[in-house]
N, C-alpha and C. Protein backbone atom coordinates (compact mmCIF):
# COMPACT_ATOMS: atom_id res chain seq x y z
N MET A 1 34.27 202.01 -72.00
CA MET A 1 34.98 202.27 -70.77
C MET A 1 34.99 203.75 -70.44
N HIS A 2 35.28 204.05 -69.20
CA HIS A 2 35.34 205.44 -68.77
C HIS A 2 36.69 206.03 -69.12
N GLU A 3 36.63 207.21 -69.70
CA GLU A 3 37.88 207.92 -69.96
C GLU A 3 38.29 208.64 -68.69
N LYS A 4 39.59 208.72 -68.46
CA LYS A 4 40.08 209.44 -67.28
C LYS A 4 39.91 210.93 -67.50
N ARG A 5 39.36 211.56 -66.50
CA ARG A 5 39.17 213.01 -66.53
C ARG A 5 40.48 213.66 -66.13
N GLU A 6 40.90 214.66 -66.89
CA GLU A 6 42.13 215.38 -66.53
C GLU A 6 41.87 216.19 -65.28
N THR A 7 42.80 216.13 -64.34
CA THR A 7 42.66 216.84 -63.07
C THR A 7 43.97 217.52 -62.69
N ILE A 8 43.86 218.44 -61.73
CA ILE A 8 45.02 219.15 -61.21
C ILE A 8 44.73 219.47 -59.75
N ARG A 9 45.77 219.66 -58.97
CA ARG A 9 45.60 220.01 -57.56
C ARG A 9 44.95 221.39 -57.44
N LEU A 10 44.08 221.53 -56.46
CA LEU A 10 43.33 222.77 -56.24
C LEU A 10 44.25 223.96 -55.98
N ASP A 11 45.21 223.80 -55.09
CA ASP A 11 46.10 224.92 -54.76
C ASP A 11 46.95 225.33 -55.95
N LYS A 12 47.35 224.36 -56.74
CA LYS A 12 48.17 224.65 -57.93
C LYS A 12 47.36 225.42 -58.97
N TRP A 13 46.09 225.03 -59.17
CA TRP A 13 45.26 225.72 -60.16
C TRP A 13 44.97 227.16 -59.73
N LEU A 14 44.68 227.37 -58.44
CA LEU A 14 44.43 228.73 -57.95
C LEU A 14 45.65 229.62 -58.18
N TRP A 15 46.82 229.06 -58.05
CA TRP A 15 48.06 229.80 -58.29
C TRP A 15 48.25 230.04 -59.79
N PHE A 16 48.01 229.00 -60.61
CA PHE A 16 48.11 229.15 -62.07
C PHE A 16 47.19 230.25 -62.58
N ALA A 17 45.97 230.29 -62.03
CA ALA A 17 44.96 231.25 -62.50
C ALA A 17 45.16 232.64 -61.90
N ARG A 18 46.22 232.81 -61.13
CA ARG A 18 46.64 234.10 -60.57
C ARG A 18 45.62 234.70 -59.60
N PHE A 19 44.92 233.84 -58.85
CA PHE A 19 44.05 234.35 -57.80
C PHE A 19 44.87 234.67 -56.56
N PHE A 20 46.00 233.98 -56.41
CA PHE A 20 46.89 234.22 -55.27
C PHE A 20 48.31 234.40 -55.78
N LYS A 21 49.05 235.26 -55.11
CA LYS A 21 50.39 235.64 -55.54
C LYS A 21 51.39 234.49 -55.43
N THR A 22 51.25 233.67 -54.39
CA THR A 22 52.16 232.54 -54.21
C THR A 22 51.34 231.27 -54.03
N ARG A 23 51.99 230.15 -54.31
CA ARG A 23 51.30 228.88 -54.14
C ARG A 23 51.06 228.59 -52.66
N SER A 24 51.97 229.04 -51.82
CA SER A 24 51.79 228.81 -50.38
C SER A 24 50.59 229.61 -49.85
N LEU A 25 50.33 230.78 -50.40
CA LEU A 25 49.14 231.55 -50.03
C LEU A 25 47.87 230.80 -50.44
N ALA A 26 47.88 230.23 -51.64
CA ALA A 26 46.74 229.46 -52.12
C ALA A 26 46.53 228.24 -51.22
N THR A 27 47.61 227.59 -50.84
CA THR A 27 47.54 226.43 -49.95
C THR A 27 46.95 226.82 -48.61
N LYS A 28 47.38 227.94 -48.09
CA LYS A 28 46.90 228.43 -46.79
C LYS A 28 45.39 228.66 -46.81
N VAL A 29 44.88 229.27 -47.88
CA VAL A 29 43.45 229.54 -48.00
C VAL A 29 42.66 228.23 -48.09
N VAL A 30 43.18 227.28 -48.85
CA VAL A 30 42.48 226.01 -49.02
C VAL A 30 42.48 225.22 -47.72
N THR A 31 43.63 225.09 -47.07
CA THR A 31 43.72 224.28 -45.85
C THR A 31 42.94 224.90 -44.69
N SER A 32 42.71 226.20 -44.71
CA SER A 32 41.93 226.81 -43.64
C SER A 32 40.43 226.65 -43.88
N GLY A 33 40.05 225.99 -44.97
CA GLY A 33 38.64 225.66 -45.21
C GLY A 33 37.82 226.77 -45.82
N HIS A 34 38.46 227.70 -46.50
CA HIS A 34 37.74 228.85 -47.07
C HIS A 34 37.42 228.69 -48.55
N VAL A 35 37.53 227.47 -49.07
CA VAL A 35 37.23 227.24 -50.49
C VAL A 35 36.13 226.19 -50.59
N ARG A 36 35.17 226.46 -51.46
CA ARG A 36 34.11 225.49 -51.72
C ARG A 36 34.28 224.97 -53.14
N LEU A 37 34.22 223.67 -53.28
CA LEU A 37 34.30 223.01 -54.58
C LEU A 37 32.93 222.42 -54.86
N ASN A 38 32.25 222.94 -55.88
CA ASN A 38 30.89 222.53 -56.22
C ASN A 38 29.99 222.61 -54.98
N SER A 39 30.07 223.73 -54.27
CA SER A 39 29.30 224.09 -53.07
C SER A 39 29.54 223.17 -51.87
N VAL A 40 30.66 222.45 -51.85
CA VAL A 40 31.04 221.62 -50.70
C VAL A 40 32.39 222.12 -50.19
N LYS A 41 32.47 222.42 -48.88
CA LYS A 41 33.73 222.91 -48.31
C LYS A 41 34.82 221.87 -48.47
N THR A 42 35.99 222.33 -48.81
CA THR A 42 37.14 221.44 -48.91
C THR A 42 38.30 222.07 -48.16
N SER A 43 39.09 221.24 -47.49
CA SER A 43 40.24 221.77 -46.76
C SER A 43 41.52 221.02 -47.10
N LYS A 44 41.47 220.18 -48.15
CA LYS A 44 42.67 219.47 -48.58
C LYS A 44 43.27 220.18 -49.79
N LYS A 45 44.52 220.56 -49.66
CA LYS A 45 45.17 221.26 -50.78
C LYS A 45 45.35 220.36 -51.98
N SER A 46 45.38 219.05 -51.75
CA SER A 46 45.61 218.11 -52.84
C SER A 46 44.32 217.65 -53.51
N THR A 47 43.20 218.30 -53.20
CA THR A 47 41.93 217.96 -53.84
C THR A 47 42.07 218.13 -55.34
N LEU A 48 41.64 217.11 -56.08
CA LEU A 48 41.76 217.16 -57.54
C LEU A 48 40.52 217.82 -58.14
N ILE A 49 40.76 218.77 -59.03
CA ILE A 49 39.67 219.48 -59.70
C ILE A 49 39.83 219.31 -61.20
N GLY A 50 38.73 219.48 -61.91
CA GLY A 50 38.77 219.35 -63.35
C GLY A 50 37.89 220.37 -64.03
N GLN A 51 37.85 220.28 -65.33
CA GLN A 51 37.08 221.21 -66.14
C GLN A 51 35.59 221.09 -65.78
N GLY A 52 34.93 222.22 -65.59
CA GLY A 52 33.51 222.24 -65.27
C GLY A 52 33.21 222.39 -63.79
N ASP A 53 34.20 222.20 -62.93
CA ASP A 53 33.99 222.38 -61.49
C ASP A 53 33.82 223.86 -61.18
N VAL A 54 33.07 224.15 -60.11
CA VAL A 54 32.83 225.53 -59.70
C VAL A 54 33.47 225.75 -58.34
N LEU A 55 34.28 226.81 -58.23
CA LEU A 55 34.96 227.16 -56.99
C LEU A 55 34.38 228.45 -56.43
N THR A 56 34.22 228.49 -55.11
CA THR A 56 33.77 229.70 -54.42
C THR A 56 34.75 229.97 -53.30
N PHE A 57 35.32 231.17 -53.28
CA PHE A 57 36.32 231.50 -52.26
C PHE A 57 36.37 233.01 -52.09
N ARG A 58 36.99 233.41 -50.99
CA ARG A 58 37.14 234.82 -50.68
C ARG A 58 38.50 235.30 -51.22
N GLN A 59 38.48 236.44 -51.86
CA GLN A 59 39.71 237.07 -52.35
C GLN A 59 39.64 238.54 -51.95
N GLY A 60 40.39 238.90 -50.93
CA GLY A 60 40.32 240.26 -50.41
C GLY A 60 38.97 240.49 -49.76
N ASP A 61 38.25 241.50 -50.20
CA ASP A 61 36.92 241.79 -49.66
C ASP A 61 35.81 241.17 -50.50
N ASP A 62 36.17 240.51 -51.58
CA ASP A 62 35.18 239.97 -52.51
C ASP A 62 35.04 238.46 -52.36
N ILE A 63 33.85 237.95 -52.65
CA ILE A 63 33.61 236.52 -52.75
C ILE A 63 33.62 236.19 -54.23
N ARG A 64 34.52 235.31 -54.64
CA ARG A 64 34.66 234.96 -56.06
C ARG A 64 33.98 233.64 -56.35
N VAL A 65 33.27 233.55 -57.46
CA VAL A 65 32.66 232.32 -57.94
C VAL A 65 33.18 232.13 -59.36
N VAL A 66 33.94 231.05 -59.58
CA VAL A 66 34.52 230.82 -60.89
C VAL A 66 34.28 229.37 -61.32
N GLU A 67 34.06 229.20 -62.61
CA GLU A 67 33.95 227.87 -63.20
C GLU A 67 35.25 227.59 -63.94
N ILE A 68 35.78 226.41 -63.75
CA ILE A 68 37.05 226.05 -64.36
C ILE A 68 36.81 225.72 -65.83
N ALA A 69 37.44 226.48 -66.72
CA ALA A 69 37.30 226.28 -68.16
C ALA A 69 38.44 225.41 -68.70
N MET A 70 39.65 225.65 -68.20
CA MET A 70 40.83 224.88 -68.62
C MET A 70 41.70 224.65 -67.39
N LEU A 71 42.57 223.65 -67.47
CA LEU A 71 43.42 223.35 -66.33
C LEU A 71 44.73 224.11 -66.35
N GLY A 72 45.31 224.31 -67.49
CA GLY A 72 46.57 225.04 -67.57
C GLY A 72 47.76 224.14 -67.26
N THR A 73 48.91 224.56 -67.73
CA THR A 73 50.13 223.78 -67.49
C THR A 73 51.21 224.60 -66.82
N ARG A 74 50.99 225.91 -66.73
CA ARG A 74 52.00 226.77 -66.12
C ARG A 74 51.33 228.04 -65.60
N ARG A 75 52.07 228.79 -64.80
CA ARG A 75 51.60 230.10 -64.35
C ARG A 75 52.10 231.12 -65.37
N GLY A 76 51.24 231.45 -66.31
CA GLY A 76 51.62 232.34 -67.38
C GLY A 76 51.21 233.78 -67.09
N PRO A 77 51.27 234.62 -68.11
CA PRO A 77 50.85 236.02 -67.94
C PRO A 77 49.35 236.11 -67.67
N ALA A 78 48.93 237.27 -67.18
CA ALA A 78 47.54 237.46 -66.77
C ALA A 78 46.52 237.16 -67.89
N PRO A 79 46.73 237.60 -69.14
CA PRO A 79 45.75 237.27 -70.18
C PRO A 79 45.59 235.75 -70.37
N GLU A 80 46.69 235.03 -70.24
CA GLU A 80 46.62 233.57 -70.37
C GLU A 80 45.89 232.97 -69.16
N ALA A 81 46.13 233.51 -67.98
CA ALA A 81 45.49 233.01 -66.77
C ALA A 81 43.98 233.24 -66.80
N GLN A 82 43.54 234.32 -67.42
CA GLN A 82 42.11 234.62 -67.47
C GLN A 82 41.35 233.66 -68.37
N THR A 83 42.05 232.93 -69.24
CA THR A 83 41.38 231.95 -70.08
C THR A 83 41.11 230.64 -69.33
N LEU A 84 41.68 230.49 -68.14
CA LEU A 84 41.51 229.26 -67.37
C LEU A 84 40.16 229.17 -66.66
N TYR A 85 39.44 230.27 -66.55
CA TYR A 85 38.19 230.25 -65.79
C TYR A 85 37.14 231.16 -66.41
N ILE A 86 35.89 230.90 -66.02
CA ILE A 86 34.76 231.74 -66.38
C ILE A 86 34.27 232.37 -65.08
N ASP A 87 34.32 233.68 -65.01
CA ASP A 87 33.95 234.38 -63.78
C ASP A 87 32.44 234.47 -63.65
N LYS A 88 31.90 233.90 -62.59
CA LYS A 88 30.46 233.93 -62.35
C LYS A 88 30.13 234.71 -61.09
N THR A 89 31.06 235.57 -60.69
CA THR A 89 30.87 236.38 -59.50
C THR A 89 29.75 237.38 -59.74
N PRO A 90 28.78 237.46 -58.80
CA PRO A 90 27.71 238.45 -58.97
C PRO A 90 28.27 239.87 -58.94
N VAL A 91 27.69 240.74 -59.73
CA VAL A 91 28.14 242.12 -59.80
C VAL A 91 27.73 242.85 -58.53
N LYS A 92 28.69 243.55 -57.92
CA LYS A 92 28.40 244.29 -56.69
C LYS A 92 27.72 245.60 -57.04
N GLU A 93 26.84 246.03 -56.15
CA GLU A 93 26.19 247.33 -56.34
C GLU A 93 27.19 248.42 -56.02
N ALA A 94 27.06 249.55 -56.70
CA ALA A 94 27.96 250.67 -56.43
C ALA A 94 27.68 251.21 -55.04
N ARG A 95 28.72 251.49 -54.30
CA ARG A 95 28.55 252.03 -52.95
C ARG A 95 28.20 253.51 -53.03
N ASP A 96 27.48 253.96 -52.02
CA ASP A 96 27.09 255.37 -51.97
C ASP A 96 28.33 256.24 -51.84
N TYR A 97 28.32 257.34 -52.55
CA TYR A 97 29.43 258.29 -52.49
C TYR A 97 29.27 259.16 -51.25
N VAL A 98 30.31 259.24 -50.45
CA VAL A 98 30.28 260.09 -49.26
C VAL A 98 31.16 261.30 -49.55
N PRO A 99 30.55 262.49 -49.66
CA PRO A 99 31.36 263.67 -49.96
C PRO A 99 32.24 264.03 -48.76
N PRO A 100 33.32 264.77 -49.00
CA PRO A 100 34.18 265.17 -47.89
C PRO A 100 33.43 266.06 -46.92
N SER A 101 33.92 266.14 -45.69
CA SER A 101 33.27 266.93 -44.65
C SER A 101 33.20 268.40 -45.08
N PRO A 102 32.02 268.99 -45.04
CA PRO A 102 31.88 270.38 -45.49
C PRO A 102 32.52 271.37 -44.54
N LYS A 103 32.80 270.95 -43.31
CA LYS A 103 33.33 271.86 -42.31
C LYS A 103 34.71 272.39 -42.72
N PHE A 104 35.57 271.51 -43.27
CA PHE A 104 36.92 271.93 -43.61
C PHE A 104 37.21 271.82 -45.10
N GLU A 105 36.24 271.42 -45.90
CA GLU A 105 36.37 271.32 -47.35
C GLU A 105 37.61 270.56 -47.79
N GLY A 106 37.93 269.48 -47.13
CA GLY A 106 39.04 268.63 -47.55
C GLY A 106 40.41 269.21 -47.30
N LYS A 107 40.53 270.18 -46.43
CA LYS A 107 41.83 270.81 -46.17
C LYS A 107 42.62 270.07 -45.09
N GLY A 108 42.06 269.01 -44.52
CA GLY A 108 42.76 268.29 -43.48
C GLY A 108 42.35 268.75 -42.10
N ARG A 109 43.23 268.59 -41.16
CA ARG A 109 42.93 268.97 -39.78
C ARG A 109 42.78 270.48 -39.64
N PRO A 110 41.92 270.90 -38.71
CA PRO A 110 41.78 272.34 -38.49
C PRO A 110 43.02 272.89 -37.79
N THR A 111 43.32 274.13 -38.07
CA THR A 111 44.45 274.78 -37.40
C THR A 111 43.99 275.27 -36.04
N LYS A 112 44.95 275.76 -35.24
CA LYS A 112 44.60 276.31 -33.93
C LYS A 112 43.61 277.45 -34.06
N LYS A 113 43.83 278.28 -35.07
CA LYS A 113 42.95 279.43 -35.29
C LYS A 113 41.53 278.97 -35.61
N ASP A 114 41.41 277.92 -36.46
CA ASP A 114 40.09 277.38 -36.80
C ASP A 114 39.38 276.86 -35.55
N ARG A 115 40.11 276.17 -34.69
CA ARG A 115 39.52 275.64 -33.46
C ARG A 115 39.05 276.77 -32.54
N ARG A 116 39.88 277.80 -32.41
CA ARG A 116 39.51 278.93 -31.54
C ARG A 116 38.25 279.62 -32.05
N THR A 117 38.21 279.88 -33.35
CA THR A 117 37.01 280.55 -33.89
C THR A 117 35.79 279.65 -33.77
N GLY A 118 35.97 278.36 -33.88
CA GLY A 118 34.85 277.43 -33.70
C GLY A 118 34.35 277.45 -32.28
N LEU A 119 35.27 277.47 -31.31
CA LEU A 119 34.88 277.53 -29.90
C LEU A 119 34.16 278.83 -29.59
N LEU A 120 34.68 279.94 -30.13
CA LEU A 120 34.04 281.24 -29.87
C LEU A 120 32.63 281.28 -30.46
N SER A 121 32.45 280.72 -31.62
CA SER A 121 31.12 280.76 -32.25
C SER A 121 30.15 279.89 -31.47
N ARG A 122 30.61 278.78 -30.88
CA ARG A 122 29.73 277.93 -30.07
C ARG A 122 29.35 278.62 -28.76
N ARG A 123 30.27 279.37 -28.17
CA ARG A 123 29.97 280.08 -26.93
C ARG A 123 28.87 281.11 -27.16
N ASP A 124 28.91 281.76 -28.31
CA ASP A 124 27.88 282.76 -28.62
C ASP A 124 26.50 282.12 -28.73
N MET A 125 26.46 280.88 -29.27
CA MET A 125 25.17 280.21 -29.41
C MET A 125 24.61 279.80 -28.05
N LEU A 126 25.49 279.46 -27.10
CA LEU A 126 25.03 279.01 -25.79
C LEU A 126 24.50 280.17 -24.92
N ASP A 127 24.96 281.38 -25.17
CA ASP A 127 24.54 282.54 -24.35
C ASP A 127 23.17 283.00 -24.67
């Protein structure tokens, strides 16, 4: 016979695994259709998930891909929550470093005196 697979609600697991601060936030993300379960969009917060399923969702500016390793029974501390999943998110490339503007060397806005001297120097170039 088939053994019953242990399952848990999708919104509850996302909250247990500390991807979202509140369960209602997790519910909101799921019901708005921004979560994929095994590469199929799901919009039901009560969708049952189990060990081995793969979730893809947006968290802040990042797209997260996680495989469910354990279901969990409570929302515990962060080290415990990290054991609930295997992170398969692709590593992002480092963004190019943009140095501060050389004109003011990071001193903030120019003063009135700086603006006047800048205007005078431009007038000399135009003549």
